[in-house]
Protein backbone atom coordinates (compact mmCIF):
# COMPACT_ATOMS: atom_id res chain seq x y z
CA MET A 1 -5.15 2.27 27.89
CA ALA A 2 -6.38 -0.84 26.13
CA GLU A 3 -4.64 -1.80 22.92
CA LYS A 4 -6.59 -1.35 19.69
CA ILE A 5 -7.51 -4.12 17.26
CA ALA A 6 -6.57 -3.70 13.60
CA GLY A 7 -8.87 -4.88 10.82
CA ILE A 8 -7.16 -5.67 7.52
CA LEU A 9 -9.00 -5.75 4.18
CA GLY A 10 -6.68 -8.23 2.52
CA GLY A 11 -6.36 -10.54 -0.45
CA MET A 12 -5.13 -7.89 -2.93
CA GLY A 13 -3.07 -10.01 -3.36
CA PRO A 14 -2.94 -12.70 -0.68
CA GLU A 15 0.86 -12.77 -0.48
CA ALA A 16 0.98 -8.99 -0.07
CA THR A 17 -1.42 -9.34 2.87
CA VAL A 18 0.79 -11.97 4.52
CA ASP A 19 3.79 -9.73 3.82
CA LEU A 20 2.08 -6.85 5.63
CA MET A 21 1.37 -9.03 8.65
CA GLN A 22 5.02 -10.09 8.74
CA ARG A 23 5.99 -6.41 8.77
CA VAL A 24 3.58 -5.73 11.63
CA ILE A 25 5.30 -8.50 13.59
CA HIS A 26 8.73 -7.11 12.65
CA PHE A 27 7.91 -3.59 13.87
CA THR A 28 6.40 -4.79 17.15
CA HIS A 29 8.72 -4.85 20.18
CA ALA A 30 7.60 -8.13 21.72
CA GLN A 31 8.89 -10.39 24.46
CA ASP A 32 6.09 -12.93 24.12
CA ASP A 33 2.99 -13.69 22.05
CA ILE A 34 0.82 -11.39 24.13
CA ASP A 35 2.90 -8.36 23.13
CA HIS A 36 1.93 -8.63 19.46
CA VAL A 37 -0.86 -6.69 17.75
CA ARG A 38 -4.23 -8.35 17.44
CA CYS A 39 -5.31 -8.27 13.79
CA ILE A 40 -8.60 -9.40 12.30
CA VAL A 41 -7.86 -10.21 8.67
CA ASP A 42 -10.18 -10.84 5.77
CA ASN A 43 -7.69 -12.24 3.26
CA ASN A 44 -10.20 -12.16 0.40
CA PRO A 45 -8.74 -12.82 -3.07
CA LYS A 46 -12.28 -12.70 -4.50
CA VAL A 47 -12.36 -8.89 -4.42
CA PRO A 48 -13.16 -7.87 -8.03
CA SER A 49 -10.05 -6.91 -9.98
CA ARG A 50 -8.98 -3.29 -9.51
CA ILE A 51 -6.99 -3.45 -12.75
CA LYS A 52 -10.00 -4.67 -14.75
CA ALA A 53 -12.28 -2.03 -13.26
CA LEU A 54 -9.89 0.89 -13.70
CA LEU A 55 -7.88 -0.02 -16.82
CA GLU A 56 -9.75 -2.60 -18.83
CA GLY A 57 -13.33 -1.34 -18.82
CA GLY A 58 -14.60 -3.96 -16.41
CA SER A 59 -18.15 -3.43 -15.19
CA VAL A 60 -17.75 -4.84 -11.67
CA SER A 61 -16.58 -2.28 -9.11
CA PRO A 62 -14.56 -3.55 -6.14
CA GLY A 63 -16.18 -0.84 -3.99
CA PRO A 64 -19.24 -2.76 -2.71
CA CYS A 65 -17.16 -5.83 -1.88
CA LEU A 66 -14.59 -3.75 0.02
CA ALA A 67 -17.35 -1.89 1.85
CA GLU A 68 -18.90 -5.18 2.97
CA MET A 69 -15.52 -6.45 4.14
CA GLY A 70 -15.11 -3.28 6.19
CA ARG A 71 -18.54 -3.70 7.78
CA LYS A 72 -17.79 -7.30 8.71
CA LEU A 73 -14.41 -6.42 10.22
CA GLU A 74 -16.06 -3.73 12.33
CA GLN A 75 -18.72 -6.20 13.48
CA TRP A 76 -16.00 -8.69 14.39
CA GLY A 77 -14.37 -6.17 16.72
CA ALA A 78 -11.85 -4.12 14.74
CA ASP A 79 -11.21 -0.64 16.17
CA PHE A 80 -9.72 0.68 12.91
CA LEU A 81 -9.24 -0.59 9.37
CA CYS A 82 -6.52 -0.60 6.75
CA ILE A 83 -6.32 -1.52 3.08
CA PRO A 84 -2.91 -2.97 2.07
CA CYS A 85 -3.34 -2.21 -1.63
CA ASN A 86 -2.52 1.17 -3.17
CA THR A 87 -4.84 0.75 -6.15
CA ALA A 88 -7.74 -0.21 -3.89
CA HIS A 89 -7.52 3.25 -2.33
CA ASN A 90 -9.56 4.42 -5.31
CA TYR A 91 -12.40 2.88 -3.27
CA TYR A 92 -11.28 4.25 0.09
CA LYS A 93 -14.43 6.37 0.46
CA ASP A 94 -16.66 3.33 -0.15
CA VAL A 95 -15.06 1.64 2.85
CA GLN A 96 -15.01 4.70 5.11
CA ASP A 97 -18.65 5.50 4.35
CA ALA A 98 -19.64 1.93 5.24
CA VAL A 99 -18.22 1.91 8.78
CA SER A 100 -18.18 4.04 11.92
CA ILE A 101 -14.50 3.42 12.71
CA PRO A 102 -11.45 5.09 11.12
CA VAL A 103 -9.84 3.71 7.95
CA LEU A 104 -6.14 4.42 7.57
CA ASN A 105 -5.22 6.01 4.25
CA MET A 106 -1.98 4.37 3.15
CA VAL A 107 -1.47 6.86 0.30
CA GLU A 108 -1.71 9.89 2.62
CA LEU A 109 0.52 8.24 5.21
CA THR A 110 3.13 7.30 2.60
CA SER A 111 3.23 10.76 1.05
CA ALA A 112 3.79 12.27 4.49
CA ALA A 113 6.53 9.71 5.16
CA VAL A 114 8.39 10.81 2.01
CA ALA A 115 8.36 14.44 3.15
CA GLU A 116 9.55 13.44 6.63
CA ALA A 117 12.26 10.99 5.58
CA CYS A 118 13.51 12.99 2.56
CA PRO A 119 12.96 16.66 3.42
CA GLY A 120 14.94 17.85 0.42
CA ALA A 121 13.07 15.71 -2.10
CA ARG A 122 11.36 17.58 -4.92
CA LYS A 123 10.44 14.63 -7.14
CA ALA A 124 9.25 11.25 -5.89
CA GLY A 125 9.32 8.30 -8.26
CA ILE A 126 6.07 6.39 -7.76
CA LEU A 127 6.59 2.69 -8.52
CA CYS A 128 3.04 1.52 -9.08
CA SER A 129 0.45 -0.01 -11.35
CA PRO A 130 -0.82 2.20 -14.20
CA ALA A 131 -4.13 2.51 -12.33
CA VAL A 132 -2.43 4.48 -9.55
CA ARG A 133 -1.00 6.95 -12.06
CA ILE A 134 -4.17 7.27 -14.11
CA THR A 135 -6.36 7.89 -11.07
CA LYS A 136 -3.77 10.32 -9.62
CA LEU A 137 -3.90 8.82 -6.15
CA TYR A 138 -0.55 10.29 -5.14
CA GLU A 139 -0.89 13.62 -6.96
CA GLU A 140 -2.65 15.76 -4.37
CA PRO A 141 -1.05 14.24 -1.24
CA CYS A 142 2.45 14.70 -2.71
CA ARG A 143 1.97 18.14 -4.24
CA ARG A 144 0.41 19.41 -1.03
CA LEU A 145 3.82 18.67 0.51
CA GLY A 146 5.79 20.29 -2.30
CA ILE A 147 6.70 17.01 -4.00
CA GLU A 148 6.12 16.24 -7.67
CA PRO A 149 5.23 12.61 -8.43
CA VAL A 150 7.01 11.07 -11.43
CA TYR A 151 6.21 7.75 -13.07
CA ALA A 152 7.76 5.23 -15.40
CA THR A 153 7.58 6.06 -19.11
CA SER A 154 4.78 4.30 -21.01
CA GLU A 155 6.93 1.38 -22.16
CA LYS A 156 8.46 0.83 -18.74
CA GLU A 157 5.07 1.24 -17.07
CA GLN A 158 3.76 -1.73 -19.03
CA GLN A 159 6.90 -3.61 -18.07
CA LEU A 160 6.24 -2.78 -14.42
CA LEU A 161 2.65 -4.00 -14.73
CA ALA A 162 4.00 -7.27 -16.13
CA VAL A 163 6.31 -7.53 -13.10
CA ILE A 164 3.36 -7.02 -10.76
CA LYS A 165 1.35 -9.69 -12.56
CA LYS A 166 4.30 -12.10 -12.40
CA ILE A 167 4.57 -11.59 -8.63
CA LYS A 168 0.87 -12.37 -8.31
CA THR A 169 1.56 -15.76 -9.92
CA GLY A 170 4.32 -16.43 -7.38
CA ASP A 171 7.16 -15.71 -9.81
CA THR A 172 9.90 -13.71 -8.09
CA GLY A 173 12.76 -15.16 -10.10
CA PRO A 174 15.85 -13.38 -11.49
CA ALA A 175 14.10 -12.22 -14.67
CA VAL A 176 11.44 -10.44 -12.61
CA TYR A 177 14.09 -8.69 -10.52
CA GLU A 178 16.03 -7.68 -13.63
CA SER A 179 12.95 -6.25 -15.30
CA TYR A 180 12.05 -4.32 -12.14
CA GLN A 181 15.55 -2.85 -11.92
CA THR A 182 15.28 -1.38 -15.42
CA VAL A 183 12.02 0.32 -14.42
CA ILE A 184 13.67 1.77 -11.31
CA ALA A 185 16.51 3.13 -13.48
CA ASP A 186 13.95 4.70 -15.83
CA VAL A 187 12.20 6.53 -13.00
CA CYS A 188 15.49 7.70 -11.48
CA GLY A 189 16.50 8.99 -14.92
CA GLN A 190 13.51 11.34 -14.80
CA GLY A 191 14.96 13.14 -11.81
CA ALA A 192 13.40 11.29 -8.91
CA ASP A 193 15.36 12.02 -5.75
CA ALA A 194 13.25 9.62 -3.67
CA LEU A 195 11.36 6.45 -4.60
CA VAL A 196 8.00 5.18 -3.35
CA ILE A 197 7.11 1.49 -3.51
CA ALA A 198 3.45 2.19 -4.20
CA CYS A 199 2.38 -1.38 -4.89
CA THR A 200 2.35 -3.92 -2.09
CA GLU A 201 3.23 -6.67 -4.58
CA LEU A 202 6.51 -4.92 -5.38
CA GLY A 203 7.39 -4.86 -1.69
CA ILE A 204 7.64 -8.65 -1.85
CA LEU A 205 10.86 -8.21 -3.90
CA HIS A 206 12.91 -7.67 -0.77
CA ASP A 207 16.31 -7.88 -2.50
CA ALA A 208 15.63 -5.19 -5.11
CA LYS A 209 18.24 -2.42 -5.30
CA TYR A 210 17.19 1.22 -5.03
CA PRO A 211 19.72 3.93 -5.98
CA ARG A 212 17.67 6.60 -4.19
CA PRO A 213 16.13 6.79 -0.71
CA VAL A 214 13.08 4.55 -0.73
CA ILE A 215 9.80 4.68 1.15
CA ASP A 216 7.82 1.44 1.10
CA ALA A 217 4.07 2.02 1.53
CA ALA A 218 3.72 -1.39 3.19
CA ASP A 219 6.32 -0.43 5.82
CA VAL A 220 4.56 2.87 6.42
CA LEU A 221 1.23 1.12 6.90
CA ALA A 222 2.69 -1.57 9.16
CA LYS A 223 4.32 1.04 11.42
CA ALA A 224 1.06 2.96 11.61
CA ILE A 225 -0.85 -0.20 12.55
CA VAL A 226 1.59 -0.97 15.36
CA GLY A 227 1.66 2.61 16.65
CA ILE A 228 -2.11 3.02 16.68
CA ALA A 229 -2.74 -0.42 18.16
CA LYS A 230 -0.16 0.18 20.88
CA ASN A 231 -1.36 3.75 21.56
CA THR A 232 2.03 5.26 20.73
CA LEU A 233 0.44 7.14 17.81
CA PRO A 234 -2.74 9.17 18.09
CA PHE A 235 -5.92 7.32 17.31
CA PRO A 236 -7.07 8.65 13.92
CA THR A 237 -10.27 10.59 13.47
CA ARG A 238 -12.73 9.76 10.73
């Protein structure tokens, strides 16, 4: 069976997209170049800000831009699409409605991965931007699996948003790590028995310490890309 081609709606942010591609390479068992997954990537940092649209009253929706990216990736030969940005999944339907090929849902896949990896978990700490909490992206997928999502308290949530914004500027210095660790402690203090890295920017902080089992959405997505491309996972339906 021919391998599938992955289309990646990237640029949210650019480094997170490169990080995802590195994970795809990492999870691919390859002996030579030809063994790796073919990816068609639109690393487009000009996608309108999800934070501005969802949190700051911005009038420009990212949906049409993401839909157009999806259409182009399909035209260029992608067999399936993925969106390596949790917040952008607020516009998942815009993309899926614009194409005739499947679009992986990173939020659904990650929620299922928590239930599989941590079968005893009752509360999952969602480490994310405020937009993910406000729009309740993880609420239904988690609760359907018997897991209650918990989030950073309001003060720490703003601190986490500042961490995300620092990473977007390229700052991953000690102060950023230290600030992130206090947010993790806050979420664990609310009873989280598993943690979800639900922002692909946060996944760039590879040396962060997690006192609970952790599921990284970027890892989940990368593994799904490899499995679907290599036909070791079922090809998703629309």
